[in-house]
PDB file of all heavy atoms in Angstrom:
ATOM      1  N   GLU A   1       5.091 -22.642  17.276  1.00  0.00           N
ATOM      2  CA  GLU A   1       6.475 -21.999  17.243  1.00  0.00           C
ATOM      3  C   GLU A   1       7.441 -22.871  16.404  1.00  0.00           C
ATOM      4  O   GLU A   1       7.510 -24.089  16.539  1.00  0.00           O
ATOM      5  CB  GLU A   1       7.025 -21.791  18.668  1.00  0.00           C
ATOM      6  CG  GLU A   1       6.261 -20.736  19.427  1.00  0.00           C
ATOM      7  CD  GLU A   1       6.454 -19.391  18.846  1.00  0.00           C
ATOM      8  OE1 GLU A   1       7.461 -19.124  18.330  1.00  0.00           O
ATOM      9  OE2 GLU A   1       5.534 -18.519  19.004  1.00  0.00           O
ATOM     10  N   GLY A   2       8.252 -22.165  15.630  1.00  0.00           N
ATOM     11  CA  GLY A   2       9.298 -22.788  14.915  1.00  0.00           C
ATOM     12  C   GLY A   2       8.927 -23.399  13.553  1.00  0.00           C
ATOM     13  O   GLY A   2       9.816 -23.904  12.852  1.00  0.00           O
ATOM     14  N   ARG A   3       7.647 -23.449  13.260  1.00  0.00           N
ATOM     15  CA  ARG A   3       7.232 -23.948  11.981  1.00  0.00           C
ATOM     16  C   ARG A   3       7.427 -22.985  10.909  1.00  0.00           C
ATOM     17  O   ARG A   3       7.118 -21.737  11.009  1.00  0.00           O
ATOM     18  CB  ARG A   3       5.749 -24.449  12.012  1.00  0.00           C
ATOM     19  CG  ARG A   3       5.506 -25.724  12.801  1.00  0.00           C
ATOM     20  CD  ARG A   3       4.098 -26.192  12.660  1.00  0.00           C
ATOM     21  NE  ARG A   3       3.903 -27.466  13.401  1.00  0.00           N
ATOM     22  CZ  ARG A   3       4.162 -28.661  12.923  1.00  0.00           C
ATOM     23  NH1 ARG A   3       4.676 -28.747  11.769  1.00  0.00           N
ATOM     24  NH2 ARG A   3       3.986 -29.740  13.643  1.00  0.00           N
ATOM     25  N   LYS A   4       7.815 -23.371   9.717  1.00  0.00           N
ATOM     26  CA  LYS A   4       8.008 -22.564   8.585  1.00  0.00           C
ATOM     27  C   LYS A   4       6.597 -22.183   8.013  1.00  0.00           C
ATOM     28  O   LYS A   4       5.732 -23.042   7.790  1.00  0.00           O
ATOM     29  CB  LYS A   4       8.804 -23.240   7.474  1.00  0.00           C
ATOM     30  CG  LYS A   4       8.845 -22.617   6.089  1.00  0.00           C
ATOM     31  CD  LYS A   4       9.491 -21.186   6.208  1.00  0.00           C
ATOM     32  CE  LYS A   4       9.529 -20.621   4.813  1.00  0.00           C
ATOM     33  NZ  LYS A   4      10.053 -19.124   4.796  1.00  0.00           N
ATOM     34  N   ILE A   5       6.397 -20.903   7.760  1.00  0.00           N
ATOM     35  CA  ILE A   5       5.206 -20.305   7.231  1.00  0.00           C
ATOM     36  C   ILE A   5       5.533 -19.729   5.889  1.00  0.00           C
ATOM     37  O   ILE A   5       6.416 -18.829   5.799  1.00  0.00           O
ATOM     38  CB  ILE A   5       4.552 -19.333   8.187  1.00  0.00           C
ATOM     39  CG1 ILE A   5       4.206 -19.918   9.546  1.00  0.00           C
ATOM     40  CG2 ILE A   5       3.273 -18.756   7.499  1.00  0.00           C
ATOM     41  CD1 ILE A   5       3.188 -20.986   9.523  1.00  0.00           C
ATOM     42  N   TRP A   6       4.811 -20.123   4.850  1.00  0.00           N
ATOM     43  CA  TRP A   6       4.989 -19.435   3.523  1.00  0.00           C
ATOM     44  C   TRP A   6       3.871 -18.450   3.380  1.00  0.00           C
ATOM     45  O   TRP A   6       2.648 -18.779   3.480  1.00  0.00           O
ATOM     46  CB  TRP A   6       4.888 -20.519   2.375  1.00  0.00           C
ATOM     47  CG  TRP A   6       6.062 -21.460   2.498  1.00  0.00           C
ATOM     48  CD1 TRP A   6       7.387 -21.194   2.199  1.00  0.00           C
ATOM     49  CD2 TRP A   6       5.960 -22.873   2.655  1.00  0.00           C
ATOM     50  NE1 TRP A   6       8.081 -22.321   2.306  1.00  0.00           N
ATOM     51  CE2 TRP A   6       7.255 -23.424   2.582  1.00  0.00           C
ATOM     52  CE3 TRP A   6       4.923 -23.728   2.947  1.00  0.00           C
ATOM     53  CZ2 TRP A   6       7.587 -24.743   2.848  1.00  0.00           C
ATOM     54  CZ3 TRP A   6       5.191 -25.069   3.158  1.00  0.00           C
ATOM     55  CH2 TRP A   6       6.483 -25.561   3.063  1.00  0.00           C
ATOM     56  N   ARG A   7       4.147 -17.225   3.162  1.00  0.00           N
ATOM     57  CA  ARG A   7       3.224 -16.154   2.992  1.00  0.00           C
ATOM     58  C   ARG A   7       2.946 -15.934   1.466  1.00  0.00           C
ATOM     59  O   ARG A   7       3.831 -15.497   0.745  1.00  0.00           O
ATOM     60  CB  ARG A   7       3.566 -14.867   3.682  1.00  0.00           C
ATOM     61  CG  ARG A   7       3.616 -15.010   5.187  1.00  0.00           C
ATOM     62  CD  ARG A   7       4.244 -13.834   5.851  1.00  0.00           C
ATOM     63  NE  ARG A   7       3.807 -12.483   5.449  1.00  0.00           N
ATOM     64  CZ  ARG A   7       2.680 -11.903   5.835  1.00  0.00           C
ATOM     65  NH1 ARG A   7       1.779 -12.567   6.655  1.00  0.00           N
ATOM     66  NH2 ARG A   7       2.428 -10.701   5.372  1.00  0.00           N
ATOM     67  N   VAL A   8       1.699 -16.166   1.058  1.00  0.00           N
ATOM     68  CA  VAL A   8       1.288 -16.092  -0.351  1.00  0.00           C
ATOM     69  C   VAL A   8       0.199 -15.046  -0.507  1.00  0.00           C
ATOM     70  O   VAL A   8      -0.919 -15.271  -0.070  1.00  0.00           O
ATOM     71  CB  VAL A   8       0.875 -17.437  -0.949  1.00  0.00           C
ATOM     72  CG1 VAL A   8       0.474 -17.322  -2.377  1.00  0.00           C
ATOM     73  CG2 VAL A   8       1.924 -18.495  -0.739  1.00  0.00           C
ATOM     74  N   ALA A   9       0.527 -13.974  -1.279  1.00  0.00           N
ATOM     75  CA  ALA A   9      -0.492 -12.995  -1.621  1.00  0.00           C
ATOM     76  C   ALA A   9      -1.269 -13.479  -2.893  1.00  0.00           C
ATOM     77  O   ALA A   9      -0.617 -13.753  -3.881  1.00  0.00           O
ATOM     78  CB  ALA A   9       0.081 -11.644  -1.924  1.00  0.00           C
ATOM     79  N   HIS A  10      -2.575 -13.676  -2.724  1.00  0.00           N
ATOM     80  CA  HIS A  10      -3.333 -14.182  -3.797  1.00  0.00           C
ATOM     81  C   HIS A  10      -4.306 -13.152  -4.422  1.00  0.00           C
ATOM     82  O   HIS A  10      -5.242 -12.763  -3.732  1.00  0.00           O
ATOM     83  CB  HIS A  10      -4.124 -15.413  -3.330  1.00  0.00           C
ATOM     84  CG  HIS A  10      -4.922 -16.114  -4.434  1.00  0.00           C
ATOM     85  ND1 HIS A  10      -5.896 -17.095  -4.184  1.00  0.00           N
ATOM     86  CD2 HIS A  10      -4.827 -16.059  -5.773  1.00  0.00           C
ATOM     87  CE1 HIS A  10      -6.371 -17.527  -5.267  1.00  0.00           C
ATOM     88  NE2 HIS A  10      -5.713 -16.884  -6.283  1.00  0.00           N
ATOM     89  N   LEU A  11      -3.946 -12.677  -5.600  1.00  0.00           N
ATOM     90  CA  LEU A  11      -4.805 -11.744  -6.300  1.00  0.00           C
ATOM     91  C   LEU A  11      -5.400 -12.461  -7.510  1.00  0.00           C
ATOM     92  O   LEU A  11      -4.849 -13.412  -8.053  1.00  0.00           O
ATOM     93  CB  LEU A  11      -3.996 -10.506  -6.827  1.00  0.00           C
ATOM     94  CG  LEU A  11      -3.230  -9.769  -5.757  1.00  0.00           C
ATOM     95  CD1 LEU A  11      -2.486  -8.596  -6.386  1.00  0.00           C
ATOM     96  CD2 LEU A  11      -4.106  -9.230  -4.617  1.00  0.00           C
ATOM     97  N   SER A  12      -6.495 -11.893  -8.004  1.00  0.00           N
ATOM     98  CA  SER A  12      -7.007 -12.479  -9.264  1.00  0.00           C
ATOM     99  C   SER A  12      -8.014 -11.498  -9.899  1.00  0.00           C
ATOM    100  O   SER A  12      -8.587 -10.613  -9.168  1.00  0.00           O
ATOM    101  CB  SER A  12      -7.783 -13.801  -8.980  1.00  0.00           C
ATOM    102  OG  SER A  12      -8.019 -14.563 -10.143  1.00  0.00           O
ATOM    103  N   ASP A  13      -8.160 -11.548 -11.153  1.00  0.00           N
ATOM    104  CA  ASP A  13      -9.153 -10.821 -11.895  1.00  0.00           C
ATOM    105  C   ASP A  13      -9.023  -9.305 -11.662  1.00  0.00           C
ATOM    106  O   ASP A  13      -9.974  -8.634 -11.285  1.00  0.00           O
ATOM    107  CB  ASP A  13     -10.579 -11.319 -11.500  1.00  0.00           C
ATOM    108  CG  ASP A  13     -10.810 -12.768 -11.838  1.00  0.00           C
ATOM    109  OD1 ASP A  13     -10.425 -13.654 -10.966  1.00  0.00           O
ATOM    110  OD2 ASP A  13     -11.207 -13.157 -12.916  1.00  0.00           O
ATOM    111  N   ILE A  14      -7.921  -8.760 -11.968  1.00  0.00           N
ATOM    112  CA  ILE A  14      -7.687  -7.353 -11.831  1.00  0.00           C
ATOM    113  C   ILE A  14      -8.115  -6.528 -13.098  1.00  0.00           C
ATOM    114  O   ILE A  14      -8.259  -5.339 -12.978  1.00  0.00           O
ATOM    115  CB  ILE A  14      -6.158  -7.044 -11.518  1.00  0.00           C
ATOM    116  CG1 ILE A  14      -5.293  -7.634 -12.499  1.00  0.00           C
ATOM    117  CG2 ILE A  14      -5.788  -7.573 -10.138  1.00  0.00           C
ATOM    118  CD1 ILE A  14      -3.788  -7.342 -12.338  1.00  0.00           C
ATOM    119  N   HIS A  15      -8.318  -7.165 -14.152  1.00  0.00           N
ATOM    120  CA  HIS A  15      -8.958  -6.617 -15.380  1.00  0.00           C
ATOM    121  C   HIS A  15      -8.458  -5.287 -15.750  1.00  0.00           C
ATOM    122  O   HIS A  15      -9.234  -4.280 -15.758  1.00  0.00           O
ATOM    123  CB  HIS A  15     -10.502  -6.616 -15.135  1.00  0.00           C
ATOM    124  CG  HIS A  15     -11.073  -7.962 -15.203  1.00  0.00           C
ATOM    125  ND1 HIS A  15     -11.730  -8.481 -16.289  1.00  0.00           N
ATOM    126  CD2 HIS A  15     -11.211  -8.944 -14.240  1.00  0.00           C
ATOM    127  CE1 HIS A  15     -12.218  -9.698 -16.078  1.00  0.00           C
ATOM    128  NE2 HIS A  15     -11.854 -10.002 -14.799  1.00  0.00           N
ATOM    129  N   VAL A  16      -7.184  -5.117 -15.998  1.00  0.00           N
ATOM    130  CA  VAL A  16      -6.600  -3.846 -16.378  1.00  0.00           C
ATOM    131  C   VAL A  16      -7.221  -3.371 -17.698  1.00  0.00           C
ATOM    132  O   VAL A  16      -7.323  -4.120 -18.674  1.00  0.00           O
ATOM    133  CB  VAL A  16      -5.087  -3.919 -16.530  1.00  0.00           C
ATOM    134  CG1 VAL A  16      -4.501  -2.673 -17.100  1.00  0.00           C
ATOM    135  CG2 VAL A  16      -4.448  -4.263 -15.163  1.00  0.00           C
ATOM    136  N   VAL A  17      -7.590  -2.061 -17.793  1.00  0.00           N
ATOM    137  CA  VAL A  17      -8.086  -1.504 -18.997  1.00  0.00           C
ATOM    138  C   VAL A  17      -7.084  -0.571 -19.591  1.00  0.00           C
ATOM    139  O   VAL A  17      -6.149  -0.174 -18.863  1.00  0.00           O
ATOM    140  CB  VAL A  17      -9.456  -0.709 -18.776  1.00  0.00           C
ATOM    141  CG1 VAL A  17     -10.550  -1.761 -18.367  1.00  0.00           C
ATOM    142  CG2 VAL A  17      -9.257   0.311 -17.675  1.00  0.00           C
ATOM    143  N   GLY A  18      -7.200  -0.270 -20.822  1.00  0.00           N
ATOM    144  CA  GLY A  18      -6.202   0.532 -21.530  1.00  0.00           C
ATOM    145  C   GLY A  18      -6.491   2.021 -21.622  1.00  0.00           C
ATOM    146  O   GLY A  18      -5.768   2.748 -22.194  1.00  0.00           O
ATOM    147  N   GLU A  19      -7.612   2.470 -20.926  1.00  0.00           N
ATOM    148  CA  GLU A  19      -7.989   3.817 -20.929  1.00  0.00           C
ATOM    149  C   GLU A  19      -8.121   4.378 -19.530  1.00  0.00           C
ATOM    150  O   GLU A  19      -8.587   3.638 -18.624  1.00  0.00           O
ATOM    151  CB  GLU A  19      -9.376   4.070 -21.710  1.00  0.00           C
ATOM    152  CG  GLU A  19      -9.430   3.484 -23.063  1.00  0.00           C
ATOM    153  CD  GLU A  19      -9.805   2.016 -23.086  1.00  0.00           C
ATOM    154  OE1 GLU A  19     -10.303   1.541 -22.059  1.00  0.00           O
ATOM    155  OE2 GLU A  19      -9.544   1.338 -24.107  1.00  0.00           O
ATOM    156  N   ARG A  20      -7.805   5.649 -19.339  1.00  0.00           N
ATOM    157  CA  ARG A  20      -7.829   6.235 -18.058  1.00  0.00           C
ATOM    158  C   ARG A  20      -9.223   6.181 -17.410  1.00  0.00           C
ATOM    159  O   ARG A  20      -9.361   5.929 -16.246  1.00  0.00           O
ATOM    160  CB  ARG A  20      -7.373   7.668 -18.165  1.00  0.00           C
ATOM    161  CG  ARG A  20      -7.306   8.471 -16.841  1.00  0.00           C
ATOM    162  CD  ARG A  20      -6.919   9.906 -17.017  1.00  0.00           C
ATOM    163  NE  ARG A  20      -6.970  10.661 -15.816  1.00  0.00           N
ATOM    164  CZ  ARG A  20      -6.939  11.957 -15.756  1.00  0.00           C
ATOM    165  NH1 ARG A  20      -6.735  12.680 -16.921  1.00  0.00           N
ATOM    166  NH2 ARG A  20      -6.962  12.566 -14.624  1.00  0.00           N
ATOM    167  N   PHE A  21     -10.216   6.336 -18.184  1.00  0.00           N
ATOM    168  CA  PHE A  21     -11.618   6.273 -17.643  1.00  0.00           C
ATOM    169  C   PHE A  21     -12.380   5.090 -18.244  1.00  0.00           C
ATOM    170  O   PHE A  21     -13.623   5.073 -18.272  1.00  0.00           O
ATOM    171  CB  PHE A  21     -12.327   7.625 -17.904  1.00  0.00           C
ATOM    172  CG  PHE A  21     -11.823   8.727 -17.243  1.00  0.00           C
ATOM    173  CD1 PHE A  21     -10.985   9.707 -17.927  1.00  0.00           C
ATOM    174  CD2 PHE A  21     -11.986   8.943 -15.899  1.00  0.00           C
ATOM    175  CE1 PHE A  21     -10.474  10.836 -17.268  1.00  0.00           C
ATOM    176  CE2 PHE A  21     -11.449  10.018 -15.195  1.00  0.00           C
ATOM    177  CZ  PHE A  21     -10.658  10.962 -15.882  1.00  0.00           C
ATOM    178  N   GLY A  22     -11.663   4.026 -18.686  1.00  0.00           N
ATOM    179  CA  GLY A  22     -12.271   2.889 -19.274  1.00  0.00           C
ATOM    180  C   GLY A  22     -13.039   2.015 -18.294  1.00  0.00           C
ATOM    181  O   GLY A  22     -12.634   1.948 -17.169  1.00  0.00           O
ATOM    182  N   PHE A  23     -14.127   1.412 -18.695  1.00  0.00           N
ATOM    183  CA  PHE A  23     -14.886   0.533 -17.925  1.00  0.00           C
ATOM    184  C   PHE A  23     -14.706  -0.906 -18.321  1.00  0.00           C
ATOM    185  O   PHE A  23     -14.201  -1.112 -19.501  1.00  0.00           O
ATOM    186  CB  PHE A  23     -16.352   0.794 -17.924  1.00  0.00           C
ATOM    187  CG  PHE A  23     -16.819   2.071 -17.224  1.00  0.00           C
ATOM    188  CD1 PHE A  23     -16.824   3.222 -17.940  1.00  0.00           C
ATOM    189  CD2 PHE A  23     -17.185   2.109 -15.916  1.00  0.00           C
ATOM    190  CE1 PHE A  23     -17.135   4.436 -17.353  1.00  0.00           C
ATOM    191  CE2 PHE A  23     -17.503   3.237 -15.269  1.00  0.00           C
ATOM    192  CZ  PHE A  23     -17.484   4.458 -15.944  1.00  0.00           C
ATOM    193  N   ARG A  24     -14.935  -1.898 -17.439  1.00  0.00           N
ATOM    194  CA  ARG A  24     -14.697  -3.326 -17.783  1.00  0.00           C
ATOM    195  C   ARG A  24     -15.813  -3.864 -18.652  1.00  0.00           C
ATOM    196  O   ARG A  24     -16.981  -3.491 -18.469  1.00  0.00           O
ATOM    197  CB  ARG A  24     -14.489  -4.053 -16.502  1.00  0.00           C
ATOM    198  CG  ARG A  24     -13.110  -4.117 -15.997  1.00  0.00           C
ATOM    199  CD  ARG A  24     -12.737  -2.887 -15.205  1.00  0.00           C
ATOM    200  NE  ARG A  24     -11.352  -2.941 -14.771  1.00  0.00           N
ATOM    201  CZ  ARG A  24     -10.736  -1.799 -14.302  1.00  0.00           C
ATOM    202  NH1 ARG A  24     -11.308  -0.664 -14.289  1.00  0.00           N
ATOM    203  NH2 ARG A  24      -9.493  -1.927 -13.885  1.00  0.00           N
ATOM    204  N   ILE A  25     -15.531  -4.910 -19.381  1.00  0.00           N
ATOM    205  CA  ILE A  25     -16.576  -5.531 -20.245  1.00  0.00           C
ATOM    206  C   ILE A  25     -17.642  -6.072 -19.352  1.00  0.00           C
ATOM    207  O   ILE A  25     -18.819  -5.853 -19.562  1.00  0.00           O
ATOM    208  CB  ILE A  25     -15.936  -6.707 -20.994  1.00  0.00           C
ATOM    209  CG1 ILE A  25     -14.852  -6.215 -21.972  1.00  0.00           C
ATOM    210  CG2 ILE A  25     -16.978  -7.448 -21.802  1.00  0.00           C
ATOM    211  CD1 ILE A  25     -14.070  -7.393 -22.570  1.00  0.00           C
ATOM    212  N   GLU A  26     -17.347  -6.865 -18.346  1.00  0.00           N
ATOM    213  CA  GLU A  26     -18.321  -7.570 -17.569  1.00  0.00           C
ATOM    214  C   GLU A  26     -19.155  -6.676 -16.654  1.00  0.00           C
ATOM    215  O   GLU A  26     -20.358  -6.860 -16.486  1.00  0.00           O
ATOM    216  CB  GLU A  26     -17.594  -8.617 -16.674  1.00  0.00           C
ATOM    217  CG  GLU A  26     -18.522  -9.499 -15.921  1.00  0.00           C
ATOM    218  CD  GLU A  26     -17.745 -10.535 -15.095  1.00  0.00           C
ATOM    219  OE1 GLU A  26     -16.623 -10.874 -15.496  1.00  0.00           O
ATOM    220  OE2 GLU A  26     -18.268 -11.012 -14.012  1.00  0.00           O
TER     221      GLU A  26
END
């Protein structure tokens, strides 16, 4: 109780593509 907690959302490798039905390279 009373301790400061930092909440960090960690995302990575979302690999946005430029086409509506595009697939990723990998």
